Amino acid sequence: MQRRIFVSYHHGSDWTYYDAFVRIFSDTYEILHDRSVERPIGSEDPDYVIRRIRENYLTGSSVTIVLCGRNTWGRKYVDWEILASLNQGMALIGVNLPSNVREGDGSYRVPGRFYDNWQNRYALWQQWREIVNNPPSFRRHIENALKRSKSLIDNSRSKRLHNAPLE
């Protein structure tokens, strides 16, 4: 049986990486189809949207992959998808895309809720090049993420209510 995974990303600028991800991993995982949450739900009420994300997109999934590009960190729907994933105790892995520019301190911009969980060692982090050049290694990474203790989950950050301006 294939693991079912949910992929969260900024639809406006990182869809080409999503398409590549699907091509590489669709034989190994059941990847939820590209259905931008914003359009079908049609609401700005965070609690309603988060409930719909859980009911319509995450049910049956065990891991959320966050493709972190240049603008992903500031997207409210990505934050809400991560929040809903963590509420369900799903594993969480961030994948740094080539479009994500390194900051002056050497760090990358990532969604705050992902960062909180990476800092406390619940979420895992990978570089895009590593996963596309070595898919079997990424499969092991997913299995390791699924073994993380749910007690490490930190979902205390306030919900992002607005998108950050695009860069």
N, C-alpha and C. Protein backbone atom coordinates (compact mmCIF):
# COMPACT_ATOMS: atom_id res chain seq x y z
N MET A 1 0.83 -1.18 0.00
CA MET A 1 0.00 0.00 0.00
C MET A 1 0.88 1.25 0.00
N GLN A 2 0.55 2.19 -0.88
CA GLN A 2 1.30 3.44 -0.97
C GLN A 2 0.92 4.38 0.16
N ARG A 3 1.90 5.11 0.66
CA ARG A 3 1.61 6.18 1.61
C ARG A 3 0.92 7.29 0.84
N ARG A 4 -0.01 7.94 1.52
CA ARG A 4 -0.72 9.07 0.93
C ARG A 4 -0.12 10.34 1.50
N ILE A 5 0.34 11.23 0.63
CA ILE A 5 0.96 12.46 1.11
C ILE A 5 0.25 13.68 0.53
N PHE A 6 0.28 14.74 1.32
CA PHE A 6 -0.27 16.02 0.91
C PHE A 6 0.90 16.97 0.65
N VAL A 7 0.84 17.70 -0.44
CA VAL A 7 1.91 18.63 -0.78
C VAL A 7 1.36 20.05 -0.69
N SER A 8 2.00 20.85 0.14
CA SER A 8 1.63 22.25 0.32
C SER A 8 2.70 23.11 -0.35
N TYR A 9 2.26 24.11 -1.12
CA TYR A 9 3.21 24.97 -1.82
C TYR A 9 2.50 26.22 -2.27
N HIS A 10 3.27 27.21 -2.70
CA HIS A 10 2.69 28.45 -3.23
C HIS A 10 2.32 28.20 -4.68
N HIS A 11 1.02 28.12 -4.93
CA HIS A 11 0.53 27.78 -6.27
C HIS A 11 0.93 28.81 -7.31
N GLY A 12 1.08 30.06 -6.91
CA GLY A 12 1.38 31.10 -7.87
C GLY A 12 2.77 31.04 -8.46
N SER A 13 3.74 30.50 -7.71
CA SER A 13 5.10 30.54 -8.24
C SER A 13 5.84 29.21 -8.22
N ASP A 14 5.35 28.22 -7.52
CA ASP A 14 6.11 26.97 -7.39
C ASP A 14 5.42 25.75 -7.98
N TRP A 15 4.45 25.96 -8.85
CA TRP A 15 3.73 24.83 -9.45
C TRP A 15 4.63 23.96 -10.31
N THR A 16 5.68 24.52 -10.91
CA THR A 16 6.57 23.69 -11.73
C THR A 16 7.33 22.68 -10.87
N TYR A 17 7.68 23.08 -9.65
CA TYR A 17 8.34 22.14 -8.73
C TYR A 17 7.34 21.08 -8.26
N TYR A 18 6.10 21.49 -8.03
CA TYR A 18 5.06 20.52 -7.67
C TYR A 18 4.91 19.49 -8.79
N ASP A 19 4.83 19.95 -10.03
CA ASP A 19 4.69 19.03 -11.16
C ASP A 19 5.87 18.07 -11.23
N ALA A 20 7.07 18.57 -11.03
CA ALA A 20 8.26 17.71 -11.04
C ALA A 20 8.21 16.70 -9.89
N PHE A 21 7.79 17.17 -8.72
CA PHE A 21 7.66 16.29 -7.56
C PHE A 21 6.70 15.13 -7.87
N VAL A 22 5.56 15.47 -8.47
CA VAL A 22 4.57 14.44 -8.82
C VAL A 22 5.16 13.45 -9.82
N ARG A 23 5.86 13.94 -10.84
CA ARG A 23 6.47 13.04 -11.83
C ARG A 23 7.45 12.08 -11.17
N ILE A 24 8.25 12.58 -10.25
CA ILE A 24 9.29 11.76 -9.63
C ILE A 24 8.72 10.74 -8.65
N PHE A 25 7.70 11.15 -7.88
CA PHE A 25 7.26 10.32 -6.76
C PHE A 25 5.88 9.68 -6.91
N SER A 26 5.19 9.89 -8.00
CA SER A 26 3.82 9.37 -8.12
C SER A 26 3.77 7.85 -8.18
N ASP A 27 4.83 7.19 -8.57
CA ASP A 27 4.83 5.72 -8.56
C ASP A 27 5.03 5.16 -7.15
N THR A 28 5.59 5.99 -6.26
CA THR A 28 5.91 5.55 -4.90
C THR A 28 4.84 5.95 -3.90
N TYR A 29 4.24 7.11 -4.09
CA TYR A 29 3.26 7.64 -3.14
C TYR A 29 1.97 8.03 -3.85
N GLU A 30 0.89 8.00 -3.10
CA GLU A 30 -0.36 8.57 -3.59
C GLU A 30 -0.31 10.05 -3.22
N ILE A 31 -0.10 10.87 -4.22
CA ILE A 31 0.03 12.31 -4.00
C ILE A 31 -1.30 12.96 -4.31
N LEU A 32 -1.78 13.73 -3.36
CA LEU A 32 -3.06 14.39 -3.58
C LEU A 32 -2.94 15.34 -4.76
N HIS A 33 -3.99 15.40 -5.55
CA HIS A 33 -3.98 16.20 -6.78
C HIS A 33 -3.87 17.68 -6.48
N ASP A 34 -3.33 18.40 -7.45
CA ASP A 34 -3.16 19.84 -7.34
C ASP A 34 -4.53 20.51 -7.38
N ARG A 35 -5.03 20.80 -6.20
CA ARG A 35 -6.31 21.49 -6.09
C ARG A 35 -6.08 22.68 -5.17
N SER A 36 -5.89 23.83 -5.73
CA SER A 36 -5.64 25.00 -4.91
C SER A 36 -6.78 25.19 -3.93
N VAL A 37 -6.44 25.24 -2.65
CA VAL A 37 -7.43 25.35 -1.59
C VAL A 37 -8.23 26.64 -1.71
N GLU A 38 -7.58 27.71 -2.10
CA GLU A 38 -8.22 29.02 -2.11
C GLU A 38 -9.47 29.06 -2.98
N ARG A 39 -9.41 28.49 -4.16
CA ARG A 39 -10.55 28.57 -5.08
C ARG A 39 -11.74 27.72 -4.66
N PRO A 40 -11.57 26.42 -4.39
CA PRO A 40 -12.75 25.62 -4.11
C PRO A 40 -13.46 25.99 -2.81
N ILE A 41 -12.73 26.43 -1.79
CA ILE A 41 -13.35 26.71 -0.51
C ILE A 41 -14.04 28.07 -0.53
N GLY A 42 -13.41 29.05 -1.16
CA GLY A 42 -14.05 30.34 -1.36
C GLY A 42 -14.43 31.06 -0.09
N SER A 43 -13.61 30.99 0.94
CA SER A 43 -13.90 31.67 2.20
C SER A 43 -12.61 32.26 2.75
N GLU A 44 -12.74 33.31 3.51
CA GLU A 44 -11.59 33.91 4.19
C GLU A 44 -11.62 33.63 5.69
N ASP A 45 -12.61 32.86 6.16
CA ASP A 45 -12.70 32.51 7.57
C ASP A 45 -11.71 31.38 7.86
N PRO A 46 -10.63 31.67 8.61
CA PRO A 46 -9.57 30.67 8.81
C PRO A 46 -10.08 29.36 9.41
N ASP A 47 -10.96 29.42 10.39
CA ASP A 47 -11.42 28.19 11.04
C ASP A 47 -12.22 27.32 10.06
N TYR A 48 -13.05 27.96 9.26
CA TYR A 48 -13.82 27.23 8.25
C TYR A 48 -12.89 26.60 7.22
N VAL A 49 -11.93 27.38 6.73
CA VAL A 49 -11.00 26.88 5.72
C VAL A 49 -10.16 25.73 6.27
N ILE A 50 -9.69 25.86 7.50
CA ILE A 50 -8.88 24.80 8.11
C ILE A 50 -9.70 23.53 8.25
N ARG A 51 -10.95 23.64 8.64
CA ARG A 51 -11.82 22.46 8.74
C ARG A 51 -11.99 21.82 7.38
N ARG A 52 -12.21 22.62 6.35
CA ARG A 52 -12.39 22.08 5.00
C ARG A 52 -11.10 21.45 4.49
N ILE A 53 -9.94 22.05 4.80
CA ILE A 53 -8.65 21.45 4.42
C ILE A 53 -8.56 20.05 5.03
N ARG A 54 -8.87 19.97 6.31
CA ARG A 54 -8.81 18.68 7.00
C ARG A 54 -9.76 17.66 6.37
N GLU A 55 -10.99 18.07 6.15
CA GLU A 55 -12.01 17.15 5.64
C GLU A 55 -11.80 16.75 4.18
N ASN A 56 -11.42 17.70 3.34
CA ASN A 56 -11.39 17.47 1.90
C ASN A 56 -10.01 17.14 1.33
N TYR A 57 -8.96 17.45 2.05
CA TYR A 57 -7.62 17.30 1.47
C TYR A 57 -6.70 16.39 2.28
N LEU A 58 -6.82 16.40 3.61
CA LEU A 58 -5.85 15.70 4.44
C LEU A 58 -6.30 14.32 4.92
N THR A 59 -7.58 14.07 4.93
CA THR A 59 -8.08 12.81 5.47
C THR A 59 -7.40 11.62 4.78
N GLY A 60 -6.83 10.76 5.59
CA GLY A 60 -6.15 9.58 5.07
C GLY A 60 -4.68 9.79 4.75
N SER A 61 -4.22 11.02 4.80
CA SER A 61 -2.80 11.30 4.55
C SER A 61 -2.00 11.12 5.83
N SER A 62 -0.73 10.78 5.67
CA SER A 62 0.11 10.60 6.85
C SER A 62 1.25 11.60 6.93
N VAL A 63 1.52 12.29 5.84
CA VAL A 63 2.64 13.24 5.83
C VAL A 63 2.30 14.44 4.96
N THR A 64 2.76 15.61 5.39
CA THR A 64 2.65 16.82 4.57
C THR A 64 4.04 17.25 4.17
N ILE A 65 4.21 17.46 2.88
CA ILE A 65 5.46 17.97 2.32
C ILE A 65 5.21 19.44 2.00
N VAL A 66 6.05 20.33 2.51
CA VAL A 66 5.93 21.76 2.23
C VAL A 66 7.07 22.14 1.29
N LEU A 67 6.71 22.47 0.05
CA LEU A 67 7.71 22.92 -0.92
C LEU A 67 7.96 24.39 -0.64
N CYS A 68 9.15 24.72 -0.15
CA CYS A 68 9.46 26.08 0.32
C CYS A 68 10.22 26.88 -0.74
N GLY A 69 9.48 27.69 -1.48
CA GLY A 69 10.06 28.58 -2.46
C GLY A 69 10.19 29.99 -1.90
N ARG A 70 10.49 30.93 -2.76
CA ARG A 70 10.74 32.32 -2.37
C ARG A 70 9.59 32.94 -1.58
N ASN A 71 8.36 32.67 -1.94
CA ASN A 71 7.21 33.33 -1.30
C ASN A 71 6.36 32.42 -0.41
N THR A 72 6.75 31.17 -0.27
CA THR A 72 5.95 30.22 0.50
C THR A 72 5.79 30.65 1.95
N TRP A 73 6.83 31.20 2.52
CA TRP A 73 6.82 31.57 3.94
C TRP A 73 5.67 32.50 4.30
N GLY A 74 5.21 33.33 3.36
CA GLY A 74 4.21 34.34 3.66
C GLY A 74 2.81 34.03 3.19
N ARG A 75 2.50 32.80 2.83
CA ARG A 75 1.18 32.44 2.31
C ARG A 75 0.29 31.89 3.42
N LYS A 76 -0.85 32.53 3.61
CA LYS A 76 -1.74 32.11 4.70
C LYS A 76 -2.29 30.70 4.49
N TYR A 77 -2.58 30.31 3.25
CA TYR A 77 -3.13 28.97 3.03
C TYR A 77 -2.09 27.90 3.33
N VAL A 78 -0.82 28.17 3.07
CA VAL A 78 0.23 27.21 3.43
C VAL A 78 0.26 27.07 4.95
N ASP A 79 0.19 28.18 5.67
CA ASP A 79 0.16 28.14 7.13
C ASP A 79 -1.02 27.31 7.61
N TRP A 80 -2.18 27.53 7.03
CA TRP A 80 -3.37 26.81 7.46
C TRP A 80 -3.29 25.32 7.12
N GLU A 81 -2.66 24.99 5.99
CA GLU A 81 -2.47 23.58 5.64
C GLU A 81 -1.53 22.90 6.64
N ILE A 82 -0.47 23.60 7.04
CA ILE A 82 0.45 23.05 8.04
C ILE A 82 -0.27 22.90 9.37
N LEU A 83 -1.03 23.90 9.78
CA LEU A 83 -1.77 23.85 11.03
C LEU A 83 -2.72 22.65 11.04
N ALA A 84 -3.49 22.48 9.98
CA ALA A 84 -4.43 21.36 9.91
C ALA A 84 -3.69 20.02 9.92
N SER A 85 -2.56 19.96 9.25
CA SER A 85 -1.75 18.73 9.22
C SER A 85 -1.26 18.38 10.62
N LEU A 86 -0.75 19.37 11.33
CA LEU A 86 -0.25 19.13 12.68
C LEU A 86 -1.38 18.77 13.64
N ASN A 87 -2.54 19.38 13.45
CA ASN A 87 -3.70 19.02 14.28
C ASN A 87 -4.06 17.55 14.13
N GLN A 88 -3.76 16.98 12.97
CA GLN A 88 -4.03 15.56 12.71
C GLN A 88 -2.84 14.68 13.06
N GLY A 89 -1.76 15.27 13.54
CA GLY A 89 -0.58 14.49 13.91
C GLY A 89 0.19 13.96 12.73
N MET A 90 0.06 14.61 11.58
CA MET A 90 0.77 14.16 10.38
C MET A 90 2.26 14.51 10.48
N ALA A 91 3.09 13.71 9.85
CA ALA A 91 4.51 14.02 9.75
C ALA A 91 4.66 15.27 8.88
N LEU A 92 5.75 16.01 9.07
CA LEU A 92 5.96 17.27 8.36
C LEU A 92 7.39 17.34 7.86
N ILE A 93 7.52 17.57 6.54
CA ILE A 93 8.84 17.70 5.92
C ILE A 93 8.83 18.94 5.03
N GLY A 94 9.82 19.79 5.22
CA GLY A 94 10.02 20.94 4.35
C GLY A 94 11.07 20.62 3.30
N VAL A 95 10.81 21.05 2.07
CA VAL A 95 11.77 20.85 0.98
C VAL A 95 12.14 22.23 0.45
N ASN A 96 13.41 22.58 0.59
CA ASN A 96 13.88 23.89 0.15
C ASN A 96 14.06 23.89 -1.37
N LEU A 97 13.30 24.75 -2.04
CA LEU A 97 13.36 24.85 -3.51
C LEU A 97 14.47 25.81 -3.93
N PRO A 98 15.00 25.63 -5.14
CA PRO A 98 16.04 26.55 -5.65
C PRO A 98 15.59 28.01 -5.70
N SER A 99 14.29 28.26 -5.77
CA SER A 99 13.80 29.64 -5.81
C SER A 99 13.85 30.34 -4.46
N ASN A 100 14.10 29.61 -3.39
CA ASN A 100 14.16 30.19 -2.05
C ASN A 100 15.56 30.75 -1.82
N VAL A 101 15.64 32.06 -1.75
CA VAL A 101 16.93 32.74 -1.66
C VAL A 101 17.45 32.71 -0.22
N ARG A 102 18.72 32.42 -0.07
CA ARG A 102 19.36 32.39 1.25
C ARG A 102 19.45 33.81 1.80
N GLU A 103 19.10 33.97 3.07
CA GLU A 103 19.18 35.26 3.76
C GLU A 103 20.64 35.57 4.11
N GLY A 104 20.89 36.79 4.55
CA GLY A 104 22.24 37.21 4.92
C GLY A 104 22.86 36.38 6.03
N ASP A 105 22.04 35.84 6.92
CA ASP A 105 22.55 35.02 8.02
C ASP A 105 22.71 33.55 7.64
N GLY A 106 22.45 33.23 6.37
CA GLY A 106 22.60 31.86 5.89
C GLY A 106 21.34 31.02 5.98
N SER A 107 20.28 31.58 6.55
CA SER A 107 19.03 30.83 6.68
C SER A 107 18.15 31.02 5.45
N TYR A 108 17.08 30.26 5.39
CA TYR A 108 16.10 30.38 4.32
C TYR A 108 14.78 30.82 4.94
N ARG A 109 13.95 31.48 4.14
CA ARG A 109 12.62 31.85 4.60
C ARG A 109 11.71 30.63 4.50
N VAL A 110 11.07 30.32 5.60
CA VAL A 110 10.13 29.20 5.65
C VAL A 110 8.89 29.65 6.41
N PRO A 111 7.76 28.97 6.22
CA PRO A 111 6.59 29.32 7.01
C PRO A 111 6.90 29.21 8.51
N GLY A 112 6.42 30.17 9.28
CA GLY A 112 6.72 30.22 10.71
C GLY A 112 6.34 28.96 11.46
N ARG A 113 5.18 28.41 11.14
CA ARG A 113 4.71 27.20 11.82
C ARG A 113 5.61 26.01 11.49
N PHE A 114 6.10 25.95 10.26
CA PHE A 114 7.06 24.90 9.92
C PHE A 114 8.34 25.11 10.73
N TYR A 115 8.83 26.35 10.77
CA TYR A 115 10.07 26.67 11.50
C TYR A 115 9.97 26.23 12.96
N ASP A 116 8.86 26.54 13.62
CA ASP A 116 8.68 26.15 15.02
C ASP A 116 8.88 24.65 15.19
N ASN A 117 8.33 23.89 14.28
CA ASN A 117 8.39 22.43 14.39
C ASN A 117 9.71 21.84 13.92
N TRP A 118 10.41 22.56 13.07
CA TRP A 118 11.76 22.14 12.70
C TRP A 118 12.72 22.41 13.87
N GLN A 119 12.54 23.56 14.51
CA GLN A 119 13.40 23.91 15.66
C GLN A 119 13.26 22.89 16.79
N ASN A 120 12.05 22.40 17.02
CA ASN A 120 11.87 21.46 18.13
C ASN A 120 12.04 20.00 17.69
N ARG A 121 12.52 19.81 16.45
CA ARG A 121 12.90 18.50 15.90
C ARG A 121 11.73 17.59 15.52
N TYR A 122 10.54 18.20 15.36
CA TYR A 122 9.43 17.39 14.85
C TYR A 122 9.49 17.34 13.32
N ALA A 123 9.61 18.49 12.70
CA ALA A 123 9.66 18.57 11.24
C ALA A 123 11.08 18.29 10.74
N LEU A 124 11.15 17.76 9.55
CA LEU A 124 12.45 17.50 8.91
C LEU A 124 12.62 18.44 7.72
N TRP A 125 13.86 18.59 7.25
CA TRP A 125 14.22 19.56 6.22
C TRP A 125 15.11 18.89 5.19
N GLN A 126 14.82 19.12 3.92
CA GLN A 126 15.61 18.56 2.81
C GLN A 126 15.81 19.62 1.74
N GLN A 127 16.86 19.48 0.98
CA GLN A 127 17.10 20.33 -0.18
C GLN A 127 16.49 19.66 -1.41
N TRP A 128 15.94 20.45 -2.30
CA TRP A 128 15.33 19.95 -3.54
C TRP A 128 16.28 19.04 -4.30
N ARG A 129 17.51 19.48 -4.47
CA ARG A 129 18.49 18.68 -5.23
C ARG A 129 18.67 17.29 -4.63
N GLU A 130 18.67 17.22 -3.30
CA GLU A 130 18.85 15.93 -2.64
C GLU A 130 17.70 14.97 -2.94
N ILE A 131 16.47 15.48 -2.94
CA ILE A 131 15.35 14.55 -3.14
C ILE A 131 15.21 14.13 -4.60
N VAL A 132 15.51 15.04 -5.54
CA VAL A 132 15.36 14.65 -6.95
C VAL A 132 16.53 13.80 -7.43
N ASN A 133 17.69 13.96 -6.81
CA ASN A 133 18.86 13.17 -7.20
C ASN A 133 18.91 11.81 -6.51
N ASN A 134 18.14 11.66 -5.44
CA ASN A 134 18.17 10.40 -4.69
C ASN A 134 16.80 10.09 -4.10
N PRO A 135 15.81 9.75 -4.94
CA PRO A 135 14.47 9.45 -4.44
C PRO A 135 14.41 8.37 -3.36
N PRO A 136 15.23 7.29 -3.42
CA PRO A 136 15.16 6.30 -2.34
C PRO A 136 15.53 6.90 -0.98
N SER A 137 16.46 7.82 -0.96
CA SER A 137 16.83 8.49 0.29
C SER A 137 15.66 9.30 0.82
N PHE A 138 14.92 9.96 -0.06
CA PHE A 138 13.77 10.74 0.38
C PHE A 138 12.69 9.83 0.97
N ARG A 139 12.52 8.67 0.40
CA ARG A 139 11.56 7.71 0.95
C ARG A 139 11.94 7.34 2.39
N ARG A 140 13.22 7.13 2.64
CA ARG A 140 13.68 6.85 4.01
C ARG A 140 13.44 8.06 4.92
N HIS A 141 13.62 9.25 4.37
CA HIS A 141 13.38 10.48 5.13
C HIS A 141 11.91 10.55 5.57
N ILE A 142 11.01 10.21 4.67
CA ILE A 142 9.58 10.21 5.00
C ILE A 142 9.30 9.20 6.11
N GLU A 143 9.87 8.02 6.01
CA GLU A 143 9.64 7.02 7.06
C GLU A 143 10.20 7.50 8.40
N ASN A 144 11.34 8.17 8.39
CA ASN A 144 11.89 8.73 9.63
C ASN A 144 10.99 9.81 10.20
N ALA A 145 10.41 10.64 9.35
CA ALA A 145 9.51 11.70 9.82
C ALA A 145 8.28 11.09 10.49
N LEU A 146 7.81 9.98 9.97
CA LEU A 146 6.63 9.33 10.53
C LEU A 146 6.89 8.74 11.92
N LYS A 147 8.15 8.55 12.26
CA LYS A 147 8.51 7.99 13.58
C LYS A 147 8.67 9.06 14.65
N ARG A 148 8.59 10.32 14.29
CA ARG A 148 8.77 11.41 15.27
C ARG A 148 7.65 11.39 16.29
N SER A 149 8.00 11.70 17.53
CA SER A 149 7.01 11.74 18.60
C SER A 149 6.04 12.90 18.40
N LYS A 150 4.75 12.59 18.42
CA LYS A 150 3.72 13.62 18.26
C LYS A 150 3.76 14.63 19.41
N SER A 151 4.38 14.26 20.51
CA SER A 151 4.47 15.18 21.65
C SER A 151 5.36 16.39 21.33
N LEU A 152 6.13 16.32 20.26
CA LEU A 152 6.99 17.44 19.86
C LEU A 152 6.23 18.52 19.07
N ILE A 153 5.04 18.21 18.61
CA ILE A 153 4.29 19.14 17.76
C ILE A 153 4.05 20.46 18.49
N ASP A 154 4.36 21.56 17.81
CA ASP A 154 4.11 22.90 18.33
C ASP A 154 3.18 23.62 17.35
N ASN A 155 1.93 23.77 17.74
CA ASN A 155 0.94 24.43 16.90
C ASN A 155 0.41 25.68 17.61
N SER A 156 1.29 26.29 18.42
CA SER A 156 0.87 27.42 19.26
C SER A 156 0.89 28.76 18.54
N ARG A 157 1.55 28.85 17.42
CA ARG A 157 1.65 30.11 16.69
C ARG A 157 0.26 30.57 16.23
N SER A 158 0.02 31.86 16.27
CA SER A 158 -1.25 32.41 15.77
C SER A 158 -1.38 32.14 14.28
N LYS A 159 -2.61 31.98 13.83
CA LYS A 159 -2.85 31.75 12.40
C LYS A 159 -2.46 32.99 11.60
N ARG A 160 -1.83 32.76 10.48
CA ARG A 160 -1.53 33.85 9.55
C ARG A 160 -2.85 34.28 8.94
N LEU A 161 -3.18 35.55 9.06
CA LEU A 161 -4.47 36.05 8.55
C LEU A 161 -4.37 36.73 7.20
N HIS A 162 -3.15 37.11 6.79
CA HIS A 162 -2.96 37.80 5.52
C HIS A 162 -1.72 37.26 4.84
N ASN A 163 -1.72 37.31 3.52
CA ASN A 163 -0.53 36.94 2.77
C ASN A 163 0.47 38.06 2.83
N ALA A 164 1.74 37.70 2.84
CA ALA A 164 2.80 38.70 2.73
C ALA A 164 2.90 39.13 1.28
N PRO A 165 3.37 40.34 1.01
CA PRO A 165 3.53 40.77 -0.40
C PRO A 165 4.50 39.83 -1.11
N LEU A 166 4.24 39.58 -2.39
CA LEU A 166 5.12 38.73 -3.19
C LEU A 166 6.40 39.47 -3.50
N GLU A 167 7.47 38.71 -3.55
CA GLU A 167 8.78 39.30 -3.90
C GLU A 167 9.07 39.07 -5.35
